[in-house]
Amino acid sequence: MATIEDFFVSLDESDAVPFIDFTAIAAAFSIDDLLADIDFGNITAAIGTVLGLTGTVFRVALAIISSVYFLVEGDRVKDFAVRILRASLSTKIFTAVVKYGREINAYFKRYIFCQVLDAVILGTIMTIAMSVMGVGYAFVLGPMLGFANLIPYFGSIFGTIAAIVVIMITDGMQMGLIATIVLIILQQIDANYIFPRLLGGQMKIPPLMVIIGITIGNALYGIIGMIFAIPVVTVLRNIVVDVLEYVEAKKIEASNAPDNTKEE
């Protein structure tokens, strides 16, 4: 089998390009050296990065398209799903599924309302705090931090980092360090006190359960898990309460039932 070196030698012997010494090129050319110089690890990493970015863009586009579709066709999809459930489930189970499905929908709307309200509260607190500190762009950075807080988990982190960088550039390193401490403290107060109490009041669940639900949702399904954790946890709590009330009612009914056994 002819090799690349043989090709260069034959090209040189043919004198097709007399001013180039193809024999010298063939002698210096080495496939092994060429392959050794190629870092396939970096190539694989680059391909993986490109595929990862492509997948992320595709998922974001799919989520946007799906959201638009459900906004436009939401009622038809809901009616069709109800027909399927009614046909495949017993009346008792169908009634329970519809009841808890409506609860999830209502709690999800309350959750979004709490997120927006918390963003407004946090943005206001941040603006006031930075204004008192003397930060030059307080009335811009405060609302920006509140808006960033709408993005679960990562939003507050990236928003705080961006605000600190801007403060360090515009107001100096010392003000940036002070702002770092203040903003982190305010973020922690919001995450561990204000937001759980807002959700607890709207969802009628203890603030500790809110924190546990968000933590478990994030651990299992990331951002999506955090968004749906509280409505799902609230409905699960309602299901447990309904089951307990049903069992307790049955026991009370059984204990109050007349004893028809006759003593001999």
Protein backbone atom coordinates (compact mmCIF):
# COMPACT_ATOMS: atom_id res chain seq x y z
CA MET A 1 0.00 0.00 0.00
CA ALA A 2 1.35 3.41 -0.99
CA THR A 3 2.08 5.86 1.81
CA ILE A 4 2.12 9.63 1.94
CA GLU A 5 5.93 9.52 1.88
CA ASP A 6 5.83 7.50 -1.37
CA PHE A 7 3.47 10.08 -2.85
CA PHE A 8 5.92 12.91 -2.09
CA VAL A 9 8.85 10.93 -3.53
CA SER A 10 6.98 10.12 -6.76
CA LEU A 11 5.95 13.76 -7.05
CA ASP A 12 9.58 14.82 -6.71
CA GLU A 13 10.77 12.25 -9.26
CA SER A 14 8.19 13.44 -11.76
CA ASP A 15 9.78 16.87 -11.62
CA ALA A 16 6.30 18.42 -11.70
CA VAL A 17 7.39 21.30 -9.48
CA PRO A 18 11.18 21.51 -9.91
CA PHE A 19 11.78 24.31 -7.42
CA ILE A 20 10.36 22.27 -4.45
CA ASP A 21 12.31 19.34 -2.95
CA PHE A 22 9.52 16.89 -2.21
CA THR A 23 12.01 14.19 -1.17
CA ALA A 24 13.14 16.38 1.75
CA ILE A 25 9.54 17.03 2.67
CA ALA A 26 8.83 13.30 2.67
CA ALA A 27 11.87 12.65 4.87
CA ALA A 28 10.77 15.28 7.40
CA PHE A 29 7.11 14.28 7.31
CA SER A 30 5.94 11.90 10.03
CA ILE A 31 2.35 10.84 10.73
CA ASP A 32 3.32 9.68 14.23
CA ASP A 33 4.81 13.08 15.10
CA LEU A 34 1.75 14.83 13.70
CA LEU A 35 -0.62 12.68 15.75
CA ALA A 36 1.55 13.15 18.84
CA ASP A 37 1.29 16.91 18.51
CA ILE A 38 -2.50 16.82 18.38
CA ASP A 39 -4.13 17.14 21.80
CA PHE A 40 -7.23 15.01 21.41
CA GLY A 41 -8.27 15.81 24.97
CA ASN A 42 -8.74 19.48 24.12
CA ILE A 43 -10.55 18.55 20.91
CA THR A 44 -12.92 16.29 22.86
CA ALA A 45 -13.49 18.98 25.48
CA ALA A 46 -14.21 21.57 22.77
CA ILE A 47 -16.67 19.23 21.05
CA GLY A 48 -18.34 18.52 24.39
CA THR A 49 -18.63 22.24 25.13
CA VAL A 50 -20.16 22.94 21.72
CA LEU A 51 -22.63 20.08 22.12
CA GLY A 52 -23.50 21.25 25.63
CA LEU A 53 -24.16 24.81 24.48
CA THR A 54 -26.18 23.52 21.55
CA GLY A 55 -28.24 21.36 23.89
CA THR A 56 -28.82 24.29 26.26
CA VAL A 57 -29.95 26.56 23.43
CA PHE A 58 -32.24 23.83 22.14
CA ARG A 59 -33.80 23.28 25.58
CA VAL A 60 -34.35 27.01 26.09
CA ALA A 61 -35.93 27.35 22.66
CA LEU A 62 -38.11 24.30 23.31
CA ALA A 63 -39.19 25.71 26.68
CA ILE A 64 -40.14 29.05 25.09
CA ILE A 65 -42.05 27.38 22.26
CA SER A 66 -43.81 25.05 24.71
CA SER A 67 -44.76 27.98 26.95
CA VAL A 68 -46.24 29.89 24.03
CA TYR A 69 -48.09 26.76 22.89
CA PHE A 70 -49.60 26.16 26.32
CA LEU A 71 -50.60 29.80 26.62
CA VAL A 72 -52.43 29.60 23.30
CA GLU A 73 -53.75 26.05 23.54
CA GLY A 74 -53.90 25.71 27.32
CA ASP A 75 -57.67 25.38 27.60
CA ARG A 76 -57.89 22.75 24.85
CA VAL A 77 -55.05 20.73 26.39
CA LYS A 78 -56.71 20.92 29.81
CA ASP A 79 -60.11 19.87 28.48
CA PHE A 80 -58.56 16.96 26.57
CA ALA A 81 -56.63 15.82 29.66
CA VAL A 82 -59.81 15.99 31.75
CA ARG A 83 -61.64 13.82 29.19
CA ILE A 84 -58.88 11.22 29.28
CA LEU A 85 -58.85 11.15 33.09
CA ARG A 86 -62.65 10.93 33.30
CA ALA A 87 -62.68 8.01 30.86
CA SER A 88 -59.82 6.08 32.48
CA LEU A 89 -60.44 6.66 36.20
CA SER A 90 -63.26 5.90 38.55
CA THR A 91 -65.51 8.77 39.61
CA LYS A 92 -64.01 8.92 43.11
CA ILE A 93 -60.40 8.95 41.93
CA PHE A 94 -61.19 11.37 39.11
CA THR A 95 -62.76 13.81 41.59
CA ALA A 96 -59.67 13.61 43.82
CA VAL A 97 -57.27 14.14 40.89
CA VAL A 98 -59.20 17.18 39.65
CA LYS A 99 -59.38 18.62 43.17
CA TYR A 100 -55.65 18.36 43.83
CA GLY A 101 -54.80 19.45 40.29
CA ARG A 102 -56.73 22.66 40.85
CA GLU A 103 -54.93 23.11 44.16
CA ILE A 104 -51.53 22.77 42.47
CA ASN A 105 -52.56 25.38 39.90
CA ALA A 106 -53.78 27.78 42.60
CA TYR A 107 -50.68 27.29 44.73
CA PHE A 108 -48.41 27.77 41.74
CA LYS A 109 -50.06 31.15 41.03
CA ARG A 110 -49.61 32.09 44.69
CA TYR A 111 -45.97 31.03 44.50
CA ILE A 112 -45.37 33.31 41.49
CA PHE A 113 -47.12 36.14 43.33
CA CYS A 114 -44.88 35.60 46.36
CA GLN A 115 -41.78 35.57 44.13
CA VAL A 116 -42.74 38.92 42.57
CA LEU A 117 -43.68 40.44 45.94
CA ASP A 118 -40.41 39.23 47.47
CA ALA A 119 -38.46 40.74 44.54
CA VAL A 120 -40.16 44.11 45.13
CA ILE A 121 -39.46 43.96 48.87
CA LEU A 122 -35.83 42.91 48.39
CA GLY A 123 -35.25 45.54 45.69
CA THR A 124 -36.67 48.23 47.95
CA ILE A 125 -34.57 47.15 50.94
CA MET A 126 -31.41 46.96 48.81
CA THR A 127 -32.05 50.42 47.34
CA ILE A 128 -32.57 51.99 50.76
CA ALA A 129 -29.52 50.24 52.25
CA MET A 130 -27.20 51.28 49.42
CA SER A 131 -28.56 54.84 49.43
CA VAL A 132 -27.79 55.12 53.15
CA MET A 133 -24.29 53.74 52.46
CA GLY A 134 -23.76 56.36 49.77
CA VAL A 135 -23.53 54.05 46.76
CA GLY A 136 -23.69 56.13 43.59
CA TYR A 137 -25.93 53.82 41.53
CA ALA A 138 -28.15 52.64 44.39
CA PHE A 139 -31.39 53.39 42.53
CA VAL A 140 -30.21 51.26 39.60
CA LEU A 141 -28.56 48.39 41.46
CA GLY A 142 -31.40 47.96 43.98
CA PRO A 143 -34.14 47.21 41.43
CA MET A 144 -31.64 45.10 39.46
CA LEU A 145 -31.03 42.92 42.53
CA GLY A 146 -34.75 42.57 43.10
CA PHE A 147 -35.32 41.52 39.49
CA ALA A 148 -32.39 39.07 39.61
CA ASN A 149 -33.95 37.47 42.68
CA LEU A 150 -36.83 36.26 40.48
CA ILE A 151 -34.41 33.70 39.04
CA PRO A 152 -34.28 30.88 41.60
CA TYR A 153 -30.95 30.11 43.27
CA PHE A 154 -28.56 31.53 40.66
CA GLY A 155 -30.27 34.89 40.18
CA SER A 156 -29.44 36.30 43.60
CA ILE A 157 -25.84 35.02 43.40
CA PHE A 158 -25.07 36.52 39.99
CA GLY A 159 -27.01 39.70 40.77
CA THR A 160 -25.08 40.26 44.00
CA ILE A 161 -21.72 39.61 42.31
CA ALA A 162 -22.55 42.03 39.49
CA ALA A 163 -23.66 44.73 41.95
CA ILE A 164 -20.48 44.35 44.01
CA VAL A 165 -18.29 44.63 40.91
CA VAL A 166 -20.08 47.82 39.83
CA ILE A 167 -19.77 49.33 43.32
CA MET A 168 -16.04 48.52 43.46
CA ILE A 169 -15.47 50.17 40.09
CA THR A 170 -17.56 53.27 40.71
CA ASP A 171 -17.25 53.82 44.47
CA GLY A 172 -13.93 52.26 45.35
CA MET A 173 -12.66 49.04 46.88
CA GLN A 174 -13.52 49.98 50.47
CA MET A 175 -17.16 50.71 49.62
CA GLY A 176 -17.24 47.49 47.61
CA LEU A 177 -16.10 45.44 50.60
CA ILE A 178 -18.67 47.09 52.88
CA ALA A 179 -21.39 46.53 50.26
CA THR A 180 -20.37 42.87 49.98
CA ILE A 181 -21.02 42.29 53.67
CA VAL A 182 -24.29 44.26 53.68
CA LEU A 183 -25.71 42.67 50.52
CA ILE A 184 -24.88 39.13 51.63
CA ILE A 185 -26.52 39.73 55.02
CA LEU A 186 -29.65 41.16 53.38
CA GLN A 187 -29.80 38.25 50.92
CA GLN A 188 -29.59 35.76 53.79
CA ILE A 189 -32.31 37.57 55.75
CA ASP A 190 -34.54 37.48 52.67
CA ALA A 191 -33.83 33.82 51.84
CA ASN A 192 -34.22 32.50 55.39
CA TYR A 193 -36.81 34.83 56.92
CA ILE A 194 -38.78 37.10 54.57
CA PHE A 195 -39.43 34.73 51.64
CA PRO A 196 -40.31 31.65 53.75
CA ARG A 197 -42.78 33.70 55.77
CA LEU A 198 -44.35 35.13 52.62
CA LEU A 199 -44.80 31.65 51.20
CA GLY A 200 -45.91 30.22 54.51
CA GLY A 201 -48.63 32.84 54.77
CA GLN A 202 -49.88 32.27 51.23
CA MET A 203 -49.52 28.49 51.17
CA LYS A 204 -50.58 27.93 54.78
CA ILE A 205 -47.51 25.84 55.53
CA PRO A 206 -44.74 26.40 58.11
CA PRO A 207 -41.69 28.40 56.92
CA LEU A 208 -39.44 25.45 57.83
CA MET A 209 -41.37 23.28 55.37
CA VAL A 210 -40.84 25.94 52.70
CA ILE A 211 -37.06 25.83 53.21
CA ILE A 212 -37.01 22.01 53.23
CA GLY A 213 -39.17 21.84 50.10
CA ILE A 214 -36.96 24.27 48.16
CA THR A 215 -33.82 22.41 49.26
CA ILE A 216 -35.18 18.99 48.21
CA GLY A 217 -36.54 20.37 44.93
CA ASN A 218 -33.18 21.90 44.07
CA ALA A 219 -31.32 18.69 44.96
CA LEU A 220 -33.59 16.51 42.81
CA TYR A 221 -34.45 18.64 39.77
CA GLY A 222 -32.46 21.89 40.01
CA ILE A 223 -34.19 25.16 39.15
CA ILE A 224 -37.37 23.46 37.88
CA GLY A 225 -37.56 21.51 41.13
CA MET A 226 -37.29 24.72 43.14
CA ILE A 227 -40.08 26.37 41.16
CA PHE A 228 -42.53 23.49 41.58
CA ALA A 229 -41.37 22.31 45.01
CA ILE A 230 -43.60 24.55 47.14
CA PRO A 231 -46.90 23.95 45.26
CA VAL A 232 -46.22 20.19 45.22
CA VAL A 233 -45.22 20.10 48.90
CA THR A 234 -48.33 22.07 49.83
CA VAL A 235 -50.63 19.70 47.93
CA LEU A 236 -48.88 16.64 49.40
CA ARG A 237 -49.45 18.12 52.84
CA ASN A 238 -53.14 18.62 52.02
CA ILE A 239 -53.39 15.01 50.81
CA VAL A 240 -51.84 13.73 54.03
CA VAL A 241 -54.19 15.91 56.11
CA ASP A 242 -57.23 14.68 54.13
CA VAL A 243 -56.19 11.04 54.57
CA LEU A 244 -55.65 11.52 58.30
CA GLU A 245 -59.04 13.22 58.69
CA TYR A 246 -60.70 10.42 56.73
CA VAL A 247 -59.08 7.71 58.87
CA GLU A 248 -59.90 9.55 62.09
CA ALA A 249 -63.52 10.04 60.99
CA LYS A 250 -63.79 6.32 60.21
CA LYS A 251 -62.43 5.41 63.64
CA ILE A 252 -64.84 7.80 65.39
CA GLU A 253 -67.70 6.39 63.34
CA ALA A 254 -66.70 2.85 64.24
CA SER A 255 -66.38 3.67 67.93
CA ASN A 256 -69.81 5.35 68.02
CA ALA A 257 -71.54 2.54 66.14
CA PRO A 258 -73.99 0.51 68.35
CA ASP A 259 -72.76 -2.91 69.45
CA ASN A 260 -75.24 -5.43 68.02
CA THR A 261 -73.59 -8.46 69.58
CA LYS A 262 -75.71 -10.17 72.20
CA GLU A 263 -74.34 -11.66 75.34
CA GLU A 264 -75.31 -15.27 75.82
